[in-house]
Amino acid sequence: MKTVDRIIQYLRIEKVRPHIPCGARVLDIGCADGTLFKQLKSRIKEGVGIDPGLGRSVTLENCRLIAGHFPKDLPDPRPFNVIVMLAVLEHVPPGQHQQLAENCAQFLRPGGKLIITIPSPKADRILRLLQSMRVIDGMALEDHYGFDVTKTPELFSAGGLTLVKSEKFQLGYNNLFVFKKSEDLE
């Protein structure tokens, strides 16, 4: 990754930081190299990252990074306090969205949070320009298909997830969604 890619990643993680409680067990879907766990090390008690793009599974100080797919390659079925997907949903084929939403709800503890960031489709033009200028690598930018960000609340309302926060950030080129699983569900 180039410096600008890292800056974008850093800012995205800082945006979700306030929504991750101290001592949480966190699942990062699409974890890349585990930067979320490195950046929030003091906040996260235990982390599991999963990404099909990892060359191999590795263990870091406070987390395990799994080369594989969610949820079939998770090492154990224990639920999480927090699940994050940072700039991931726009890479997931539309036919897999409903199953992904259901799996997220299933793997959250009651009262747990699902935190999602999604770049706006209009950001792709800028990212492609920066990529053509070799300013960014653009982490799998070719997989972006113009996901309709407005469909996110409806998609993840399945399984007892309730939208508790939605906002644009980075001049409207990125979106944050925070969902919570009902305390009454098991």
Foldseek 3Di string as FASTA:
>chain_A
DFPVVVVVVVVLLVVCVVVQAAAWEEEEEQCVPVVSCVVCVRRYQAYEYEHCPDPAWDDDDRYIYHNDHPPPRDPDQAATLEYEYEQNPQLDPPVCLLVVLQSNLSRHAAFHKYKYKHFAPVVLVVLVVCVVVVVDVCVPSVSGDGDDPVCVQVSNPPNQWHWDDWDADPVRRMIMTMITHHNPDD
